[in-house]
């Protein structure tokens, strides 16, 4: 893994690039590189590179976990997450 990628992961995890708490069921758009689940959460849609991520659609994510990837939007059915902004 490159130094630039390690730096991006650390900046994301520390919230240096910004974050947003999501507790509702409205679609949230942005450039996100990490999800932290505050409570057990059900994701109804997650979009990455214009493609709905079937791996997270209607999937229950356990509380107190980190998930890394790259998403342009997320919609929850229930629960709460902190979405960390990336590049």
PDB file of N, CA and C in Angstrom:
ATOM      1  N   UNK A   1       0.846  -1.163   0.000  1.00  0.00           N
ATOM      2  CA  UNK A   1       0.000   0.000   0.000  1.00  0.00           C
ATOM      3  C   UNK A   1       0.900   1.236   0.000  1.00  0.00           C
ATOM      4  N   UNK A   2       0.530   2.231  -0.790  1.00  0.00           N
ATOM      5  CA  UNK A   2       1.352   3.428  -0.926  1.00  0.00           C
ATOM      6  C   UNK A   2       1.207   4.338   0.296  1.00  0.00           C
ATOM      7  N   UNK A   3       2.185   5.192   0.494  1.00  0.00           N
ATOM      8  CA  UNK A   3       2.158   6.171   1.582  1.00  0.00           C
ATOM      9  C   UNK A   3       0.943   7.085   1.436  1.00  0.00           C
ATOM     10  N   UNK A   4       0.621   7.491   0.189  1.00  0.00           N
ATOM     11  CA  UNK A   4      -0.524   8.369  -0.052  1.00  0.00           C
ATOM     12  C   UNK A   4      -1.818   7.702   0.388  1.00  0.00           C
ATOM     13  N   UNK A   5      -1.970   6.421   0.100  1.00  0.00           N
ATOM     14  CA  UNK A   5      -3.194   5.694   0.485  1.00  0.00           C
ATOM     15  C   UNK A   5      -3.270   5.537   2.004  1.00  0.00           C
ATOM     16  N   UNK A   6      -2.155   5.245   2.650  1.00  0.00           N
ATOM     17  CA  UNK A   6      -2.135   5.125   4.112  1.00  0.00           C
ATOM     18  C   UNK A   6      -2.505   6.463   4.749  1.00  0.00           C
ATOM     19  N   UNK A   7      -1.971   7.552   4.208  1.00  0.00           N
ATOM     20  CA  UNK A   7      -2.298   8.885   4.713  1.00  0.00           C
ATOM     21  C   UNK A   7      -3.783   9.173   4.560  1.00  0.00           C
ATOM     22  N   UNK A   8      -4.368   8.815   3.403  1.00  0.00           N
ATOM     23  CA  UNK A   8      -5.797   9.036   3.179  1.00  0.00           C
ATOM     24  C   UNK A   8      -6.633   8.242   4.179  1.00  0.00           C
ATOM     25  N   UNK A   9      -6.260   7.003   4.444  1.00  0.00           N
ATOM     26  CA  UNK A   9      -7.000   6.182   5.402  1.00  0.00           C
ATOM     27  C   UNK A   9      -6.925   6.802   6.792  1.00  0.00           C
ATOM     28  N   UNK A  10      -5.745   7.244   7.202  1.00  0.00           N
ATOM     29  CA  UNK A  10      -5.599   7.859   8.518  1.00  0.00           C
ATOM     30  C   UNK A  10      -6.362   9.175   8.614  1.00  0.00           C
ATOM     31  N   UNK A  11      -6.298  10.005   7.557  1.00  0.00           N
ATOM     32  CA  UNK A  11      -7.058  11.257   7.555  1.00  0.00           C
ATOM     33  C   UNK A  11      -8.551  10.987   7.656  1.00  0.00           C
ATOM     34  N   UNK A  12      -9.016   9.971   6.940  1.00  0.00           N
ATOM     35  CA  UNK A  12     -10.425   9.612   6.980  1.00  0.00           C
ATOM     36  C   UNK A  12     -10.822   9.151   8.369  1.00  0.00           C
ATOM     37  N   UNK A  13     -10.055   8.232   8.935  1.00  0.00           N
ATOM     38  CA  UNK A  13     -10.396   7.659  10.232  1.00  0.00           C
ATOM     39  C   UNK A  13     -10.370   8.710  11.332  1.00  0.00           C
ATOM     40  N   UNK A  14      -9.491   9.701  11.219  1.00  0.00           N
ATOM     41  CA  UNK A  14      -9.420  10.751  12.211  1.00  0.00           C
ATOM     42  C   UNK A  14     -10.425  11.869  11.951  1.00  0.00           C
ATOM     43  N   UNK A  15     -11.119  11.802  10.822  1.00  0.00           N
ATOM     44  CA  UNK A  15     -12.125  12.806  10.499  1.00  0.00           C
ATOM     45  C   UNK A  15     -11.553  14.100   9.966  1.00  0.00           C
ATOM     46  N   UNK A  16     -10.292  14.101   9.573  1.00  0.00           N
ATOM     47  CA  UNK A  16      -9.653  15.324   9.091  1.00  0.00           C
ATOM     48  C   UNK A  16     -10.266  15.858   7.797  1.00  0.00           C
ATOM     49  N   UNK A  17     -10.910  15.000   7.027  1.00  0.00           N
ATOM     50  CA  UNK A  17     -11.520  15.435   5.772  1.00  0.00           C
ATOM     51  C   UNK A  17     -13.008  15.711   5.930  1.00  0.00           C
ATOM     52  N   UNK A  18     -13.523  15.567   7.143  1.00  0.00           N
ATOM     53  CA  UNK A  18     -14.929  15.831   7.424  1.00  0.00           C
ATOM     54  C   UNK A  18     -15.726  14.557   7.583  1.00  0.00           C
ATOM     55  N   UNK A  19     -16.866  14.702   8.224  1.00  0.00           N
ATOM     56  CA  UNK A  19     -17.752  13.562   8.436  1.00  0.00           C
ATOM     57  C   UNK A  19     -19.172  14.077   8.605  1.00  0.00           C
ATOM     58  N   UNK A  20     -20.121  13.159   8.501  1.00  0.00           N
ATOM     59  CA  UNK A  20     -21.523  13.498   8.675  1.00  0.00           C
ATOM     60  C   UNK A  20     -22.204  12.341   9.398  1.00  0.00           C
ATOM     61  N   UNK A  21     -22.984  12.684  10.400  1.00  0.00           N
ATOM     62  CA  UNK A  21     -23.764  11.670  11.107  1.00  0.00           C
ATOM     63  C   UNK A  21     -25.101  11.514  10.397  1.00  0.00           C
ATOM     64  N   UNK A  22     -25.493  10.276  10.154  1.00  0.00           N
ATOM     65  CA  UNK A  22     -26.762  10.000   9.479  1.00  0.00           C
ATOM     66  C   UNK A  22     -27.616   9.148  10.406  1.00  0.00           C
ATOM     67  N   UNK A  23     -28.808   9.655  10.714  1.00  0.00           N
ATOM     68  CA  UNK A  23     -29.733   8.911  11.570  1.00  0.00           C
ATOM     69  C   UNK A  23     -31.090   8.714  10.914  1.00  0.00           C
ATOM     70  N   UNK A  24     -31.339   9.388   9.803  1.00  0.00           N
ATOM     71  CA  UNK A  24     -32.622   9.288   9.121  1.00  0.00           C
ATOM     72  C   UNK A  24     -32.574   8.342   7.936  1.00  0.00           C
ATOM     73  N   UNK A  25     -33.660   8.348   7.186  1.00  0.00           N
ATOM     74  CA  UNK A  25     -33.778   7.430   6.054  1.00  0.00           C
ATOM     75  C   UNK A  25     -33.729   8.134   4.699  1.00  0.00           C
ATOM     76  N   UNK A  26     -33.338   9.401   4.688  1.00  0.00           N
ATOM     77  CA  UNK A  26     -33.200  10.129   3.424  1.00  0.00           C
ATOM     78  C   UNK A  26     -31.860   9.798   2.779  1.00  0.00           C
ATOM     79  N   UNK A  27     -31.821   9.839   1.455  1.00  0.00           N
ATOM     80  CA  UNK A  27     -30.587   9.609   0.716  1.00  0.00           C
ATOM     81  C   UNK A  27     -29.589  10.715   1.049  1.00  0.00           C
ATOM     82  N   UNK A  28     -28.332  10.331   1.284  1.00  0.00           N
ATOM     83  CA  UNK A  28     -27.265  11.281   1.571  1.00  0.00           C
ATOM     84  C   UNK A  28     -26.185  11.125   0.511  1.00  0.00           C
ATOM     85  N   UNK A  29     -25.871  12.224  -0.171  1.00  0.00           N
ATOM     86  CA  UNK A  29     -24.860  12.218  -1.222  1.00  0.00           C
ATOM     87  C   UNK A  29     -23.554  12.820  -0.716  1.00  0.00           C
ATOM     88  N   UNK A  30     -22.455  12.409  -1.321  1.00  0.00           N
ATOM     89  CA  UNK A  30     -21.139  12.938  -0.986  1.00  0.00           C
ATOM     90  C   UNK A  30     -20.060  12.038  -1.551  1.00  0.00           C
ATOM     91  N   UNK A  31     -18.843  12.246  -1.107  1.00  0.00           N
ATOM     92  CA  UNK A  31     -17.742  11.353  -1.443  1.00  0.00           C
ATOM     93  C   UNK A  31     -17.259  10.774  -0.124  1.00  0.00           C
ATOM     94  N   UNK A  32     -17.595   9.520   0.113  1.00  0.00           N
ATOM     95  CA  UNK A  32     -17.319   8.889   1.396  1.00  0.00           C
ATOM     96  C   UNK A  32     -16.358   7.719   1.221  1.00  0.00           C
ATOM     97  N   UNK A  33     -15.429   7.584   2.169  1.00  0.00           N
ATOM     98  CA  UNK A  33     -14.461   6.490   2.098  1.00  0.00           C
ATOM     99  C   UNK A  33     -14.502   5.576   3.315  1.00  0.00           C
ATOM    100  N   UNK A  34     -15.332   5.915   4.296  1.00  0.00           N
ATOM    101  CA  UNK A  34     -15.456   5.044   5.465  1.00  0.00           C
ATOM    102  C   UNK A  34     -16.830   5.221   6.097  1.00  0.00           C
ATOM    103  N   UNK A  35     -17.330   4.135   6.640  1.00  0.00           N
ATOM    104  CA  UNK A  35     -18.587   4.130   7.388  1.00  0.00           C
ATOM    105  C   UNK A  35     -18.264   3.598   8.778  1.00  0.00           C
ATOM    106  N   UNK A  36     -18.697   4.335   9.794  1.00  0.00           N
ATOM    107  CA  UNK A  36     -18.624   3.824  11.160  1.00  0.00           C
ATOM    108  C   UNK A  36     -20.059   3.641  11.644  1.00  0.00           C
ATOM    109  N   UNK A  37     -20.405   2.427  12.044  1.00  0.00           N
ATOM    110  CA  UNK A  37     -21.772   2.155  12.499  1.00  0.00           C
ATOM    111  C   UNK A  37     -21.868   2.437  13.989  1.00  0.00           C
ATOM    112  N   UNK A  38     -22.693   3.423  14.338  1.00  0.00           N
ATOM    113  CA  UNK A  38     -22.910   3.794  15.732  1.00  0.00           C
ATOM    114  C   UNK A  38     -23.818   2.762  16.394  1.00  0.00           C
ATOM    115  N   UNK A  39     -24.868   2.390  15.680  1.00  0.00           N
ATOM    116  CA  UNK A  39     -25.798   1.361  16.137  1.00  0.00           C
ATOM    117  C   UNK A  39     -25.937   0.324  15.025  1.00  0.00           C
ATOM    118  N   UNK A  40     -26.582  -0.785  15.322  1.00  0.00           N
ATOM    119  CA  UNK A  40     -26.869  -1.754  14.254  1.00  0.00           C
ATOM    120  C   UNK A  40     -27.663  -1.023  13.179  1.00  0.00           C
ATOM    121  N   UNK A  41     -27.258  -1.181  11.934  1.00  0.00           N
ATOM    122  CA  UNK A  41     -27.795  -0.366  10.844  1.00  0.00           C
ATOM    123  C   UNK A  41     -28.179  -1.233   9.658  1.00  0.00           C
ATOM    124  N   UNK A  42     -29.332  -0.908   9.068  1.00  0.00           N
ATOM    125  CA  UNK A  42     -29.754  -1.563   7.838  1.00  0.00           C
ATOM    126  C   UNK A  42     -29.633  -0.548   6.709  1.00  0.00           C
ATOM    127  N   UNK A  43     -28.853  -0.901   5.690  1.00  0.00           N
ATOM    128  CA  UNK A  43     -28.629  -0.043   4.528  1.00  0.00           C
ATOM    129  C   UNK A  43     -29.578  -0.490   3.429  1.00  0.00           C
ATOM    130  N   UNK A  44     -30.360   0.461   2.885  1.00  0.00           N
ATOM    131  CA  UNK A  44     -31.268   0.096   1.798  1.00  0.00           C
ATOM    132  C   UNK A  44     -30.635   0.339   0.435  1.00  0.00           C
ATOM    133  N   UNK A  45     -29.651   1.244   0.359  1.00  0.00           N
ATOM    134  CA  UNK A  45     -28.943   1.484  -0.907  1.00  0.00           C
ATOM    135  C   UNK A  45     -27.618   2.160  -0.620  1.00  0.00           C
ATOM    136  N   UNK A  46     -26.598   1.713  -1.322  1.00  0.00           N
ATOM    137  CA  UNK A  46     -25.282   2.344  -1.266  1.00  0.00           C
ATOM    138  C   UNK A  46     -24.746   2.364  -2.690  1.00  0.00           C
ATOM    139  N   UNK A  47     -24.341   3.534  -3.155  1.00  0.00           N
ATOM    140  CA  UNK A  47     -23.895   3.671  -4.540  1.00  0.00           C
ATOM    141  C   UNK A  47     -22.396   3.948  -4.584  1.00  0.00           C
ATOM    142  N   UNK A  48     -21.705   3.164  -5.409  1.00  0.00           N
ATOM    143  CA  UNK A  48     -20.275   3.327  -5.613  1.00  0.00           C
ATOM    144  C   UNK A  48     -20.011   3.334  -7.107  1.00  0.00           C
ATOM    145  N   UNK A  49     -19.358   4.396  -7.584  1.00  0.00           N
ATOM    146  CA  UNK A  49     -19.056   4.529  -9.015  1.00  0.00           C
ATOM    147  C   UNK A  49     -20.293   4.364  -9.889  1.00  0.00           C
ATOM    148  N   UNK A  50     -21.426   4.893  -9.422  1.00  0.00           N
ATOM    149  CA  UNK A  50     -22.665   4.840 -10.188  1.00  0.00           C
ATOM    150  C   UNK A  50     -23.372   3.502 -10.170  1.00  0.00           C
ATOM    151  N   UNK A  51     -22.853   2.547  -9.402  1.00  0.00           N
ATOM    152  CA  UNK A  51     -23.449   1.217  -9.344  1.00  0.00           C
ATOM    153  C   UNK A  51     -23.943   0.967  -7.929  1.00  0.00           C
ATOM    154  N   UNK A  52     -25.199   0.536  -7.797  1.00  0.00           N
ATOM    155  CA  UNK A  52     -25.720   0.207  -6.483  1.00  0.00           C
ATOM    156  C   UNK A  52     -24.978  -1.014  -5.962  1.00  0.00           C
ATOM    157  N   UNK A  53     -24.443  -0.889  -4.768  1.00  0.00           N
ATOM    158  CA  UNK A  53     -23.649  -1.950  -4.161  1.00  0.00           C
ATOM    159  C   UNK A  53     -24.558  -3.013  -3.573  1.00  0.00           C
ATOM    160  N   UNK A  54     -24.732  -4.097  -4.280  1.00  0.00           N
ATOM    161  CA  UNK A  54     -25.626  -5.170  -3.845  1.00  0.00           C
ATOM    162  C   UNK A  54     -25.164  -5.808  -2.540  1.00  0.00           C
ATOM    163  N   UNK A  55     -23.863  -5.732  -2.245  1.00  0.00           N
ATOM    164  CA  UNK A  55     -23.355  -6.323  -1.008  1.00  0.00           C
ATOM    165  C   UNK A  55     -23.879  -5.619   0.234  1.00  0.00           C
ATOM    166  N   UNK A  56     -24.233  -4.332   0.128  1.00  0.00           N
ATOM    167  CA  UNK A  56     -24.736  -3.596   1.278  1.00  0.00           C
ATOM    168  C   UNK A  56     -26.232  -3.346   1.221  1.00  0.00           C
ATOM    169  N   UNK A  57     -26.869  -3.594   0.110  1.00  0.00           N
ATOM    170  CA  UNK A  57     -28.284  -3.308  -0.028  1.00  0.00           C
ATOM    171  C   UNK A  57     -29.100  -4.232   0.850  1.00  0.00           C
ATOM    172  N   UNK A  58     -29.929  -3.637   1.708  1.00  0.00           N
ATOM    173  CA  UNK A  58     -30.787  -4.373   2.646  1.00  0.00           C
ATOM    174  C   UNK A  58     -29.976  -5.371   3.472  1.00  0.00           C
ATOM    175  N   UNK A  59     -28.839  -4.917   3.925  1.00  0.00           N
ATOM    176  CA  UNK A  59     -27.944  -5.746   4.719  1.00  0.00           C
ATOM    177  C   UNK A  59     -27.772  -5.096   6.083  1.00  0.00           C
ATOM    178  N   UNK A  60     -27.826  -5.895   7.122  1.00  0.00           N
ATOM    179  CA  UNK A  60     -27.651  -5.375   8.471  1.00  0.00           C
ATOM    180  C   UNK A  60     -26.163  -5.316   8.806  1.00  0.00           C
ATOM    181  N   UNK A  61     -25.717  -4.120   9.170  1.00  0.00           N
ATOM    182  CA  UNK A  61     -24.335  -3.920   9.580  1.00  0.00           C
ATOM    183  C   UNK A  61     -24.307  -3.852  11.106  1.00  0.00           C
ATOM    184  N   UNK A  62     -23.416  -4.593  11.751  1.00  0.00           N
ATOM    185  CA  UNK A  62     -23.364  -4.582  13.211  1.00  0.00           C
ATOM    186  C   UNK A  62     -22.888  -3.233  13.761  1.00  0.00           C
ATOM    187  N   UNK A  63     -23.237  -2.951  14.993  1.00  0.00           N
ATOM    188  CA  UNK A  63     -22.821  -1.717  15.649  1.00  0.00           C
ATOM    189  C   UNK A  63     -21.321  -1.729  15.931  1.00  0.00           C
ATOM    190  N   UNK A  64     -20.760  -0.522  16.030  1.00  0.00           N
ATOM    191  CA  UNK A  64     -19.369  -0.324  16.436  1.00  0.00           C
ATOM    192  C   UNK A  64     -18.370  -0.999  15.492  1.00  0.00           C
ATOM    193  N   UNK A  65     -18.568  -0.811  14.189  1.00  0.00           N
ATOM    194  CA  UNK A  65     -17.687  -1.402  13.172  1.00  0.00           C
ATOM    195  C   UNK A  65     -17.307  -0.345  12.134  1.00  0.00           C
ATOM    196  N   UNK A  66     -16.161  -0.548  11.509  1.00  0.00           N
ATOM    197  CA  UNK A  66     -15.685   0.288  10.404  1.00  0.00           C
ATOM    198  C   UNK A  66     -15.815  -0.484   9.095  1.00  0.00           C
ATOM    199  N   UNK A  67     -16.245   0.223   8.049  1.00  0.00           N
ATOM    200  CA  UNK A  67     -16.317  -0.342   6.701  1.00  0.00           C
ATOM    201  C   UNK A  67     -15.639   0.661   5.773  1.00  0.00           C
ATOM    202  N   UNK A  68     -14.705   0.180   4.968  1.00  0.00           N
ATOM    203  CA  UNK A  68     -13.954   1.053   4.066  1.00  0.00           C
ATOM    204  C   UNK A  68     -14.330   0.748   2.626  1.00  0.00           C
ATOM    205  N   UNK A  69     -14.368   1.784   1.813  1.00  0.00           N
ATOM    206  CA  UNK A  69     -14.701   1.651   0.405  1.00  0.00           C
ATOM    207  C   UNK A  69     -14.770   3.039  -0.184  1.00  0.00           C
ATOM    208  N   UNK A  70     -15.576   3.210  -1.199  1.00  0.00           N
ATOM    209  CA  UNK A  70     -15.792   4.522  -1.793  1.00  0.00           C
ATOM    210  C   UNK A  70     -17.239   4.591  -2.247  1.00  0.00           C
ATOM    211  N   UNK A  71     -18.018   5.468  -1.619  1.00  0.00           N
ATOM    212  CA  UNK A  71     -19.441   5.587  -1.908  1.00  0.00           C
ATOM    213  C   UNK A  71     -19.774   7.019  -2.282  1.00  0.00           C
ATOM    214  N   UNK A  72     -20.744   7.171  -3.180  1.00  0.00           N
ATOM    215  CA  UNK A  72     -21.213   8.504  -3.561  1.00  0.00           C
ATOM    216  C   UNK A  72     -22.568   8.815  -2.946  1.00  0.00           C
ATOM    217  N   UNK A  73     -23.249   7.805  -2.421  1.00  0.00           N
ATOM    218  CA  UNK A  73     -24.491   8.044  -1.688  1.00  0.00           C
ATOM    219  C   UNK A  73     -24.829   6.820  -0.853  1.00  0.00           C
ATOM    220  N   UNK A  74     -25.655   7.057   0.165  1.00  0.00           N
ATOM    221  CA  UNK A  74     -26.110   5.975   1.029  1.00  0.00           C
ATOM    222  C   UNK A  74     -27.509   6.316   1.522  1.00  0.00           C
ATOM    223  N   UNK A  75     -28.337   5.294   1.650  1.00  0.00           N
ATOM    224  CA  UNK A  75     -29.679   5.442   2.192  1.00  0.00           C
ATOM    225  C   UNK A  75     -29.876   4.357   3.243  1.00  0.00           C
ATOM    226  N   UNK A  76     -30.286   4.764   4.432  1.00  0.00           N
ATOM    227  CA  UNK A  76     -30.501   3.812   5.510  1.00  0.00           C
ATOM    228  C   UNK A  76     -31.971   3.460   5.643  1.00  0.00           C
ATOM    229  N   UNK A  77     -32.240   2.253   6.105  1.00  0.00           N
ATOM    230  CA  UNK A  77     -33.587   1.851   6.486  1.00  0.00           C
ATOM    231  C   UNK A  77     -33.766   2.107   7.975  1.00  0.00           C
ATOM    232  N   UNK A  78     -32.720   1.821   8.746  1.00  0.00           N
ATOM    233  CA  UNK A  78     -32.739   2.067  10.182  1.00  0.00           C
ATOM    234  C   UNK A  78     -31.306   2.144  10.686  1.00  0.00           C
ATOM    235  N   UNK A  79     -31.154   2.643  11.905  1.00  0.00           N
ATOM    236  CA  UNK A  79     -29.844   2.718  12.528  1.00  0.00           C
ATOM    237  C   UNK A  79     -29.206   4.083  12.364  1.00  0.00           C
ATOM    238  N   UNK A  80     -27.930   4.153  12.729  1.00  0.00           N
ATOM    239  CA  UNK A  80     -27.198   5.405  12.599  1.00  0.00           C
ATOM    240  C   UNK A  80     -25.731   5.121  12.288  1.00  0.00           C
ATOM    241  N   UNK A  81     -25.167   5.961  11.447  1.00  0.00           N
ATOM    242  CA  UNK A  81     -23.778   5.815  11.015  1.00  0.00           C
ATOM    243  C   UNK A  81     -23.100   7.176  11.000  1.00  0.00           C
ATOM    244  N   UNK A  82     -21.789   7.141  10.979  1.00  0.00           N
ATOM    245  CA  UNK A  82     -20.992   8.326  10.684  1.00  0.00           C
ATOM    246  C   UNK A  82     -20.277   8.024   9.374  1.00  0.00           C
ATOM    247  N   UNK A  83     -20.519   8.861   8.388  1.00  0.00           N
ATOM    248  CA  UNK A  83     -19.890   8.709   7.081  1.00  0.00           C
ATOM    249  C   UNK A  83     -18.705   9.674   7.026  1.00  0.00           C
ATOM    250  N   UNK A  84     -17.527   9.142   6.719  1.00  0.00           N
ATOM    251  CA  UNK A  84     -16.321   9.953   6.648  1.00  0.00           C
ATOM    252  C   UNK A  84     -16.011  10.337   5.210  1.00  0.00           C
ATOM    253  N   UNK A  85     -15.784  11.630   5.024  1.00  0.00           N
ATOM    254  CA  UNK A  85     -15.519  12.182   3.705  1.00  0.00           C
ATOM    255  C   UNK A  85     -14.120  11.810   3.237  1.00  0.00           C
ATOM    256  N   UNK A  86     -14.030  11.444   1.966  1.00  0.00           N
ATOM    257  CA  UNK A  86     -12.746  11.115   1.370  1.00  0.00           C
ATOM    258  C   UNK A  86     -12.526  11.912   0.114  1.00  0.00           C
ATOM    259  N   UNK A  87     -11.554  11.490  -0.628  1.00  0.00           N
ATOM    260  CA  UNK A  87     -11.226  12.192  -1.872  1.00  0.00           C
ATOM    261  C   UNK A  87     -11.675  11.387  -3.051  1.00  0.00           C
TER     262      UNK A  87
END
